[in-house]
Amino acid sequence: MRVREIQADPQALLSGHGDTPPTTAVGWLERAVALNALHRLEPALEACHAAAEQAVREADLAVEAVALTETVKALAKLGDLPRALSVARVALDRAVTLKDRHLECGLMVNVGMIHGYQDAPEPYAHFTEQGLRIARELGDERMSTHASVNLAGAYVRLHRFDEAEALYS
């Protein structure tokens, strides 16, 4: 899936597709990613839902997992954190089933951040620690940096200042 490419120029994808609705799960997912990147959240949620439903029909667990992940992002941006957590649990289950460690890592960090938004520092730290561990196992420097910054924030909220500082050294 070319998520990062679409996120870099979401308008190009939408312009290229025009008003014609996609017919495949991947097409719906691409539309969802572009709409999410443009912060057009209600249409993004609709496209995520269509992508997930079509992925189930096509028996494409990978596309379903990414569609659920995009749903989590849109719901979190809308401030619907309870629903975002609920969908994230399903997406995380799909990522584990697929053995997709990159997706699992991103979801762990996102779930941690959602807990942070809910002012729940213990689960914020727990999930973010798991995401950081996976990012380091994968050698993913970008995600390791992202998780480290978030984990430092969780540690500060827990008054674990030495551990927060250690993440920056």
N, C-alpha and C. Protein backbone atom coordinates (compact mmCIF):
# COMPACT_ATOMS: atom_id res chain seq x y z
N MET A 1 0.85 -1.19 0.00
CA MET A 1 0.00 0.00 0.00
C MET A 1 0.88 1.23 0.00
N ARG A 2 0.54 2.20 -0.73
CA ARG A 2 1.35 3.41 -0.91
C ARG A 2 0.83 4.57 -0.05
N VAL A 3 0.65 4.31 1.24
CA VAL A 3 0.08 5.28 2.15
C VAL A 3 0.90 6.57 2.19
N ARG A 4 2.21 6.45 2.39
CA ARG A 4 3.05 7.66 2.50
C ARG A 4 3.03 8.48 1.21
N GLU A 5 3.03 7.81 0.09
CA GLU A 5 2.98 8.51 -1.20
C GLU A 5 1.68 9.31 -1.32
N ILE A 6 0.58 8.70 -0.94
CA ILE A 6 -0.71 9.38 -1.01
C ILE A 6 -0.75 10.54 -0.02
N GLN A 7 -0.22 10.31 1.19
CA GLN A 7 -0.21 11.36 2.20
C GLN A 7 0.64 12.56 1.76
N ALA A 8 1.65 12.31 0.94
CA ALA A 8 2.52 13.40 0.47
C ALA A 8 1.78 14.31 -0.51
N ASP A 9 0.88 13.76 -1.31
CA ASP A 9 0.13 14.57 -2.28
C ASP A 9 -1.29 14.01 -2.40
N PRO A 10 -2.10 14.18 -1.35
CA PRO A 10 -3.44 13.59 -1.37
C PRO A 10 -4.35 14.15 -2.45
N GLN A 11 -4.18 15.43 -2.77
CA GLN A 11 -5.05 16.04 -3.78
C GLN A 11 -4.83 15.42 -5.15
N ALA A 12 -3.61 15.01 -5.44
CA ALA A 12 -3.32 14.38 -6.73
C ALA A 12 -4.13 13.09 -6.88
N LEU A 13 -4.20 12.30 -5.83
CA LEU A 13 -4.97 11.06 -5.91
C LEU A 13 -6.45 11.37 -6.11
N LEU A 14 -6.98 12.30 -5.34
CA LEU A 14 -8.40 12.62 -5.46
C LEU A 14 -8.72 13.22 -6.82
N SER A 15 -7.86 14.07 -7.33
CA SER A 15 -8.07 14.65 -8.65
C SER A 15 -8.01 13.58 -9.72
N GLY A 16 -7.10 12.65 -9.56
CA GLY A 16 -6.96 11.56 -10.53
C GLY A 16 -8.15 10.62 -10.56
N HIS A 17 -8.79 10.43 -9.42
CA HIS A 17 -9.95 9.53 -9.34
C HIS A 17 -11.23 10.22 -9.76
N GLY A 18 -11.26 11.54 -9.64
CA GLY A 18 -12.49 12.27 -9.98
C GLY A 18 -13.62 11.92 -9.03
N ASP A 19 -14.84 12.01 -9.54
CA ASP A 19 -16.03 11.74 -8.73
C ASP A 19 -16.47 10.28 -8.81
N THR A 20 -15.79 9.50 -9.60
CA THR A 20 -16.16 8.10 -9.76
C THR A 20 -15.83 7.32 -8.49
N PRO A 21 -16.82 6.66 -7.89
CA PRO A 21 -16.52 5.89 -6.68
C PRO A 21 -15.62 4.70 -7.00
N PRO A 22 -14.72 4.39 -6.11
CA PRO A 22 -13.85 3.23 -6.33
C PRO A 22 -14.67 1.93 -6.37
N THR A 23 -14.09 0.92 -6.96
CA THR A 23 -14.78 -0.38 -7.03
C THR A 23 -14.05 -1.45 -6.25
N THR A 24 -12.84 -1.16 -5.79
CA THR A 24 -12.06 -2.14 -5.05
C THR A 24 -11.76 -1.64 -3.64
N ALA A 25 -11.40 -2.56 -2.78
CA ALA A 25 -11.03 -2.20 -1.41
C ALA A 25 -9.82 -1.27 -1.42
N VAL A 26 -8.85 -1.56 -2.27
CA VAL A 26 -7.66 -0.71 -2.34
C VAL A 26 -8.02 0.69 -2.81
N GLY A 27 -8.91 0.79 -3.78
CA GLY A 27 -9.34 2.09 -4.27
C GLY A 27 -10.02 2.90 -3.17
N TRP A 28 -10.91 2.25 -2.42
CA TRP A 28 -11.57 2.94 -1.30
C TRP A 28 -10.55 3.35 -0.24
N LEU A 29 -9.60 2.47 0.02
CA LEU A 29 -8.59 2.78 1.03
C LEU A 29 -7.72 3.95 0.60
N GLU A 30 -7.32 3.99 -0.65
CA GLU A 30 -6.55 5.12 -1.15
C GLU A 30 -7.32 6.42 -0.99
N ARG A 31 -8.60 6.39 -1.30
CA ARG A 31 -9.44 7.58 -1.12
C ARG A 31 -9.50 7.97 0.35
N ALA A 32 -9.65 7.00 1.24
CA ALA A 32 -9.72 7.26 2.68
C ALA A 32 -8.43 7.91 3.18
N VAL A 33 -7.29 7.40 2.74
CA VAL A 33 -5.99 7.95 3.15
C VAL A 33 -5.88 9.40 2.69
N ALA A 34 -6.26 9.66 1.44
CA ALA A 34 -6.16 11.03 0.91
C ALA A 34 -7.09 11.98 1.67
N LEU A 35 -8.31 11.56 1.89
CA LEU A 35 -9.27 12.41 2.61
C LEU A 35 -8.81 12.66 4.05
N ASN A 36 -8.28 11.65 4.68
CA ASN A 36 -7.76 11.79 6.04
C ASN A 36 -6.60 12.78 6.07
N ALA A 37 -5.71 12.67 5.08
CA ALA A 37 -4.56 13.58 5.01
C ALA A 37 -4.99 15.02 4.81
N LEU A 38 -6.12 15.22 4.14
CA LEU A 38 -6.65 16.56 3.89
C LEU A 38 -7.58 17.02 5.02
N HIS A 39 -7.71 16.21 6.06
CA HIS A 39 -8.58 16.51 7.22
C HIS A 39 -10.04 16.67 6.82
N ARG A 40 -10.43 15.95 5.79
CA ARG A 40 -11.84 15.87 5.41
C ARG A 40 -12.37 14.59 6.07
N LEU A 41 -12.64 14.71 7.36
CA LEU A 41 -12.77 13.55 8.22
C LEU A 41 -14.07 12.75 8.03
N GLU A 42 -15.19 13.41 7.87
CA GLU A 42 -16.44 12.66 7.68
C GLU A 42 -16.39 11.85 6.38
N PRO A 43 -15.99 12.47 5.25
CA PRO A 43 -15.86 11.65 4.03
C PRO A 43 -14.77 10.57 4.17
N ALA A 44 -13.73 10.87 4.95
CA ALA A 44 -12.68 9.87 5.18
C ALA A 44 -13.25 8.67 5.91
N LEU A 45 -14.07 8.93 6.93
CA LEU A 45 -14.69 7.82 7.66
C LEU A 45 -15.58 6.97 6.75
N GLU A 46 -16.33 7.63 5.90
CA GLU A 46 -17.18 6.89 4.96
C GLU A 46 -16.33 6.01 4.03
N ALA A 47 -15.23 6.57 3.54
CA ALA A 47 -14.35 5.80 2.65
C ALA A 47 -13.66 4.66 3.42
N CYS A 48 -13.29 4.91 4.66
CA CYS A 48 -12.70 3.85 5.50
C CYS A 48 -13.68 2.70 5.66
N HIS A 49 -14.93 3.04 5.96
CA HIS A 49 -15.96 2.03 6.15
C HIS A 49 -16.16 1.22 4.87
N ALA A 50 -16.24 1.92 3.74
CA ALA A 50 -16.41 1.24 2.45
C ALA A 50 -15.21 0.35 2.15
N ALA A 51 -14.00 0.84 2.46
CA ALA A 51 -12.79 0.05 2.22
C ALA A 51 -12.79 -1.21 3.07
N ALA A 52 -13.15 -1.07 4.34
CA ALA A 52 -13.15 -2.24 5.23
C ALA A 52 -14.21 -3.26 4.79
N GLU A 53 -15.39 -2.77 4.44
CA GLU A 53 -16.44 -3.69 3.98
C GLU A 53 -16.04 -4.41 2.70
N GLN A 54 -15.48 -3.66 1.76
CA GLN A 54 -15.05 -4.27 0.49
C GLN A 54 -13.90 -5.24 0.73
N ALA A 55 -13.00 -4.90 1.65
CA ALA A 55 -11.88 -5.79 1.97
C ALA A 55 -12.38 -7.11 2.53
N VAL A 56 -13.42 -7.07 3.36
CA VAL A 56 -14.00 -8.30 3.89
C VAL A 56 -14.56 -9.14 2.74
N ARG A 57 -15.27 -8.49 1.82
CA ARG A 57 -15.82 -9.20 0.65
C ARG A 57 -14.71 -9.80 -0.21
N GLU A 58 -13.58 -9.06 -0.31
CA GLU A 58 -12.46 -9.53 -1.13
C GLU A 58 -11.52 -10.45 -0.33
N ALA A 59 -11.82 -10.66 0.94
CA ALA A 59 -10.98 -11.47 1.83
C ALA A 59 -9.54 -10.94 1.87
N ASP A 60 -9.42 -9.62 1.98
CA ASP A 60 -8.12 -8.96 2.02
C ASP A 60 -7.91 -8.37 3.41
N LEU A 61 -7.36 -9.19 4.30
CA LEU A 61 -7.18 -8.81 5.69
C LEU A 61 -6.23 -7.62 5.83
N ALA A 62 -5.23 -7.53 4.96
CA ALA A 62 -4.26 -6.42 5.04
C ALA A 62 -4.94 -5.08 4.76
N VAL A 63 -5.76 -5.02 3.73
CA VAL A 63 -6.45 -3.77 3.40
C VAL A 63 -7.45 -3.44 4.50
N GLU A 64 -8.11 -4.44 5.04
CA GLU A 64 -9.04 -4.20 6.15
C GLU A 64 -8.31 -3.61 7.34
N ALA A 65 -7.15 -4.16 7.66
CA ALA A 65 -6.37 -3.66 8.81
C ALA A 65 -5.96 -2.21 8.62
N VAL A 66 -5.51 -1.86 7.43
CA VAL A 66 -5.10 -0.47 7.17
C VAL A 66 -6.33 0.44 7.17
N ALA A 67 -7.45 -0.02 6.64
CA ALA A 67 -8.68 0.78 6.65
C ALA A 67 -9.11 1.05 8.09
N LEU A 68 -9.01 0.05 8.94
CA LEU A 68 -9.35 0.24 10.35
C LEU A 68 -8.38 1.22 11.01
N THR A 69 -7.12 1.16 10.64
CA THR A 69 -6.12 2.08 11.19
C THR A 69 -6.42 3.51 10.77
N GLU A 70 -6.80 3.71 9.52
CA GLU A 70 -7.19 5.04 9.04
C GLU A 70 -8.46 5.51 9.76
N THR A 71 -9.35 4.59 10.08
CA THR A 71 -10.55 4.93 10.84
C THR A 71 -10.17 5.45 12.22
N VAL A 72 -9.22 4.79 12.85
CA VAL A 72 -8.73 5.22 14.18
C VAL A 72 -8.21 6.64 14.10
N LYS A 73 -7.41 6.92 13.09
CA LYS A 73 -6.84 8.27 12.94
C LYS A 73 -7.93 9.31 12.77
N ALA A 74 -8.91 9.03 11.91
CA ALA A 74 -9.99 9.99 11.67
C ALA A 74 -10.82 10.21 12.93
N LEU A 75 -11.15 9.13 13.62
CA LEU A 75 -11.95 9.26 14.85
C LEU A 75 -11.19 10.04 15.92
N ALA A 76 -9.89 9.80 16.02
CA ALA A 76 -9.09 10.54 17.01
C ALA A 76 -9.05 12.02 16.66
N LYS A 77 -8.90 12.34 15.38
CA LYS A 77 -8.90 13.74 14.95
C LYS A 77 -10.24 14.41 15.24
N LEU A 78 -11.32 13.64 15.16
CA LEU A 78 -12.64 14.16 15.45
C LEU A 78 -12.91 14.26 16.95
N GLY A 79 -12.02 13.67 17.74
CA GLY A 79 -12.18 13.71 19.19
C GLY A 79 -13.04 12.59 19.74
N ASP A 80 -13.41 11.63 18.91
CA ASP A 80 -14.21 10.49 19.36
C ASP A 80 -13.26 9.39 19.85
N LEU A 81 -12.64 9.65 20.99
CA LEU A 81 -11.59 8.76 21.50
C LEU A 81 -12.10 7.39 21.93
N PRO A 82 -13.26 7.27 22.55
CA PRO A 82 -13.74 5.93 22.90
C PRO A 82 -13.93 5.04 21.66
N ARG A 83 -14.54 5.59 20.61
CA ARG A 83 -14.70 4.80 19.38
C ARG A 83 -13.36 4.52 18.74
N ALA A 84 -12.44 5.48 18.78
CA ALA A 84 -11.12 5.27 18.20
C ALA A 84 -10.42 4.10 18.90
N LEU A 85 -10.51 4.04 20.23
CA LEU A 85 -9.90 2.93 20.97
C LEU A 85 -10.56 1.60 20.62
N SER A 86 -11.86 1.61 20.49
CA SER A 86 -12.59 0.39 20.15
C SER A 86 -12.15 -0.15 18.79
N VAL A 87 -12.08 0.73 17.81
CA VAL A 87 -11.65 0.32 16.46
C VAL A 87 -10.17 -0.08 16.48
N ALA A 88 -9.37 0.62 17.27
CA ALA A 88 -7.93 0.30 17.34
C ALA A 88 -7.70 -1.12 17.85
N ARG A 89 -8.53 -1.55 18.78
CA ARG A 89 -8.38 -2.92 19.30
C ARG A 89 -8.61 -3.95 18.18
N VAL A 90 -9.61 -3.70 17.35
CA VAL A 90 -9.89 -4.60 16.22
C VAL A 90 -8.74 -4.54 15.21
N ALA A 91 -8.28 -3.34 14.92
CA ALA A 91 -7.17 -3.17 13.96
C ALA A 91 -5.91 -3.86 14.49
N LEU A 92 -5.66 -3.72 15.77
CA LEU A 92 -4.48 -4.35 16.37
C LEU A 92 -4.58 -5.88 16.27
N ASP A 93 -5.76 -6.40 16.47
CA ASP A 93 -5.98 -7.84 16.30
C ASP A 93 -5.65 -8.27 14.88
N ARG A 94 -6.08 -7.48 13.90
CA ARG A 94 -5.79 -7.80 12.50
C ARG A 94 -4.28 -7.73 12.22
N ALA A 95 -3.62 -6.72 12.77
CA ALA A 95 -2.18 -6.58 12.56
C ALA A 95 -1.43 -7.76 13.14
N VAL A 96 -1.83 -8.21 14.32
CA VAL A 96 -1.17 -9.36 14.95
C VAL A 96 -1.44 -10.62 14.13
N THR A 97 -2.67 -10.80 13.66
CA THR A 97 -3.01 -11.95 12.83
C THR A 97 -2.15 -11.96 11.56
N LEU A 98 -1.97 -10.79 10.98
CA LEU A 98 -1.18 -10.68 9.75
C LEU A 98 0.33 -10.77 10.00
N LYS A 99 0.70 -10.66 11.28
CA LYS A 99 2.12 -10.58 11.66
C LYS A 99 2.77 -9.36 11.01
N ASP A 100 2.00 -8.27 10.92
CA ASP A 100 2.49 -7.02 10.35
C ASP A 100 3.01 -6.16 11.49
N ARG A 101 4.29 -6.26 11.77
CA ARG A 101 4.89 -5.58 12.91
C ARG A 101 4.89 -4.07 12.73
N HIS A 102 5.01 -3.57 11.51
CA HIS A 102 4.98 -2.12 11.29
C HIS A 102 3.61 -1.56 11.64
N LEU A 103 2.57 -2.22 11.19
CA LEU A 103 1.22 -1.77 11.51
C LEU A 103 0.96 -1.90 13.00
N GLU A 104 1.39 -2.99 13.60
CA GLU A 104 1.24 -3.19 15.03
C GLU A 104 1.94 -2.07 15.81
N CYS A 105 3.14 -1.73 15.40
CA CYS A 105 3.90 -0.67 16.04
C CYS A 105 3.14 0.66 15.99
N GLY A 106 2.69 1.03 14.81
CA GLY A 106 1.97 2.29 14.65
C GLY A 106 0.70 2.32 15.47
N LEU A 107 -0.01 1.20 15.52
CA LEU A 107 -1.24 1.14 16.30
C LEU A 107 -0.94 1.25 17.80
N MET A 108 0.12 0.59 18.26
CA MET A 108 0.48 0.68 19.68
C MET A 108 0.74 2.14 20.07
N VAL A 109 1.49 2.84 19.25
CA VAL A 109 1.80 4.24 19.54
C VAL A 109 0.52 5.08 19.48
N ASN A 110 -0.33 4.83 18.48
CA ASN A 110 -1.59 5.58 18.37
C ASN A 110 -2.51 5.31 19.56
N VAL A 111 -2.60 4.06 19.99
CA VAL A 111 -3.43 3.75 21.15
C VAL A 111 -2.86 4.45 22.38
N GLY A 112 -1.54 4.45 22.51
CA GLY A 112 -0.92 5.17 23.61
C GLY A 112 -1.27 6.64 23.58
N MET A 113 -1.18 7.25 22.41
CA MET A 113 -1.49 8.68 22.29
C MET A 113 -2.95 8.97 22.62
N ILE A 114 -3.85 8.09 22.21
CA ILE A 114 -5.26 8.29 22.53
C ILE A 114 -5.45 8.26 24.05
N HIS A 115 -4.78 7.34 24.71
CA HIS A 115 -4.85 7.31 26.18
C HIS A 115 -4.26 8.60 26.76
N GLY A 116 -3.23 9.11 26.14
CA GLY A 116 -2.66 10.38 26.58
C GLY A 116 -3.66 11.51 26.46
N TYR A 117 -4.40 11.53 25.35
CA TYR A 117 -5.43 12.55 25.16
C TYR A 117 -6.54 12.43 26.21
N GLN A 118 -6.74 11.20 26.68
CA GLN A 118 -7.76 10.96 27.70
C GLN A 118 -7.22 11.17 29.11
N ASP A 119 -6.00 11.67 29.19
CA ASP A 119 -5.35 11.91 30.48
C ASP A 119 -5.24 10.63 31.31
N ALA A 120 -4.82 9.56 30.65
CA ALA A 120 -4.60 8.27 31.30
C ALA A 120 -3.13 7.91 31.10
N PRO A 121 -2.22 8.45 31.93
CA PRO A 121 -0.79 8.29 31.68
C PRO A 121 -0.25 6.86 31.77
N GLU A 122 -0.84 6.02 32.62
CA GLU A 122 -0.34 4.64 32.72
C GLU A 122 -0.49 3.88 31.40
N PRO A 123 -1.73 3.81 30.84
CA PRO A 123 -1.84 3.12 29.54
C PRO A 123 -1.13 3.86 28.42
N TYR A 124 -1.04 5.19 28.52
CA TYR A 124 -0.28 5.97 27.54
C TYR A 124 1.15 5.45 27.51
N ALA A 125 1.77 5.32 28.67
CA ALA A 125 3.15 4.83 28.75
C ALA A 125 3.24 3.37 28.30
N HIS A 126 2.31 2.54 28.77
CA HIS A 126 2.36 1.11 28.47
C HIS A 126 2.34 0.84 26.96
N PHE A 127 1.33 1.38 26.28
CA PHE A 127 1.21 1.11 24.85
C PHE A 127 2.35 1.75 24.06
N THR A 128 2.77 2.92 24.47
CA THR A 128 3.87 3.59 23.77
C THR A 128 5.17 2.84 23.96
N GLU A 129 5.39 2.29 25.15
CA GLU A 129 6.58 1.46 25.38
C GLU A 129 6.59 0.26 24.44
N GLN A 130 5.41 -0.36 24.28
CA GLN A 130 5.31 -1.51 23.37
C GLN A 130 5.61 -1.09 21.93
N GLY A 131 5.06 0.04 21.53
CA GLY A 131 5.33 0.54 20.18
C GLY A 131 6.79 0.85 19.97
N LEU A 132 7.44 1.47 20.96
CA LEU A 132 8.87 1.78 20.86
C LEU A 132 9.70 0.51 20.78
N ARG A 133 9.34 -0.49 21.58
CA ARG A 133 10.07 -1.76 21.55
C ARG A 133 10.00 -2.38 20.15
N ILE A 134 8.82 -2.40 19.56
CA ILE A 134 8.65 -2.97 18.22
C ILE A 134 9.42 -2.15 17.19
N ALA A 135 9.33 -0.82 17.28
CA ALA A 135 10.05 0.05 16.33
C ALA A 135 11.54 -0.22 16.38
N ARG A 136 12.06 -0.37 17.59
CA ARG A 136 13.50 -0.66 17.73
C ARG A 136 13.84 -2.03 17.16
N GLU A 137 12.99 -3.03 17.40
CA GLU A 137 13.21 -4.37 16.84
C GLU A 137 13.25 -4.32 15.32
N LEU A 138 12.39 -3.48 14.75
CA LEU A 138 12.32 -3.35 13.29
C LEU A 138 13.42 -2.47 12.72
N GLY A 139 14.09 -1.72 13.60
CA GLY A 139 15.11 -0.79 13.13
C GLY A 139 14.50 0.42 12.44
N ASP A 140 13.27 0.76 12.78
CA ASP A 140 12.54 1.87 12.16
C ASP A 140 12.86 3.15 12.94
N GLU A 141 13.80 3.91 12.44
CA GLU A 141 14.26 5.12 13.14
C GLU A 141 13.17 6.18 13.24
N ARG A 142 12.41 6.36 12.18
CA ARG A 142 11.34 7.36 12.18
C ARG A 142 10.31 7.05 13.27
N MET A 143 9.86 5.80 13.30
CA MET A 143 8.86 5.42 14.30
C MET A 143 9.47 5.39 15.70
N SER A 144 10.73 5.01 15.81
CA SER A 144 11.40 5.02 17.12
C SER A 144 11.45 6.43 17.68
N THR A 145 11.77 7.39 16.84
CA THR A 145 11.81 8.79 17.28
C THR A 145 10.42 9.25 17.70
N HIS A 146 9.43 8.96 16.89
CA HIS A 146 8.05 9.34 17.19
C HIS A 146 7.60 8.73 18.53
N ALA A 147 7.86 7.44 18.71
CA ALA A 147 7.46 6.76 19.94
C ALA A 147 8.23 7.30 21.14
N SER A 148 9.51 7.58 20.96
CA SER A 148 10.33 8.10 22.06
C SER A 148 9.81 9.44 22.56
N VAL A 149 9.45 10.31 21.65
CA VAL A 149 8.93 11.63 22.03
C VAL A 149 7.63 11.47 22.81
N ASN A 150 6.76 10.61 22.32
CA ASN A 150 5.50 10.37 23.02
C ASN A 150 5.71 9.69 24.37
N LEU A 151 6.64 8.77 24.42
CA LEU A 151 6.91 8.08 25.68
C LEU A 151 7.48 9.04 26.72
N ALA A 152 8.33 9.96 26.27
CA ALA A 152 8.85 10.96 27.20
C ALA A 152 7.69 11.78 27.79
N GLY A 153 6.73 12.12 26.96
CA GLY A 153 5.56 12.85 27.45
C GLY A 153 4.77 12.04 28.48
N ALA A 154 4.64 10.76 28.22
CA ALA A 154 3.93 9.89 29.18
C ALA A 154 4.70 9.82 30.49
N TYR A 155 6.02 9.68 30.39
CA TYR A 155 6.83 9.59 31.61
C TYR A 155 6.76 10.89 32.42
N VAL A 156 6.73 12.02 31.75
CA VAL A 156 6.62 13.29 32.47
C VAL A 156 5.29 13.33 33.23
N ARG A 157 4.22 12.90 32.58
CA ARG A 157 2.92 12.89 33.26
C ARG A 157 2.92 11.97 34.47
N LEU A 158 3.76 10.94 34.41
CA LEU A 158 3.86 10.00 35.54
C LEU A 158 4.93 10.42 36.55
N HIS A 159 5.52 11.58 36.33
CA HIS A 159 6.59 12.11 37.18
C HIS A 159 7.81 11.18 37.20
N ARG A 160 8.06 10.54 36.08
CA ARG A 160 9.23 9.68 35.91
C ARG A 160 10.23 10.46 35.06
N PHE A 161 10.72 11.55 35.64
CA PHE A 161 11.53 12.53 34.90
C PHE A 161 12.87 11.96 34.43
N ASP A 162 13.49 11.12 35.22
CA ASP A 162 14.78 10.55 34.83
C ASP A 162 14.62 9.68 33.57
N GLU A 163 13.53 8.90 33.53
CA GLU A 163 13.30 8.06 32.36
C GLU A 163 12.97 8.91 31.12
N ALA A 164 12.22 9.99 31.35
CA ALA A 164 11.91 10.88 30.22
C ALA A 164 13.18 11.51 29.68
N GLU A 165 14.03 11.96 30.57
CA GLU A 165 15.29 12.58 30.15
C GLU A 165 16.18 11.58 29.44
N ALA A 166 16.19 10.34 29.91
CA ALA A 166 17.04 9.30 29.29
C ALA A 166 16.66 9.05 27.83
N LEU A 167 15.41 9.25 27.48
CA LEU A 167 14.98 9.05 26.09
C LEU A 167 15.60 10.08 25.14
N TYR A 168 15.99 11.21 25.69
CA TYR A 168 16.58 12.28 24.87
C TYR A 168 18.09 12.25 24.85
N SER A 169 18.70 11.36 25.63
CA SER A 169 20.17 11.34 25.64
C SER A 169 20.74 10.25 24.78
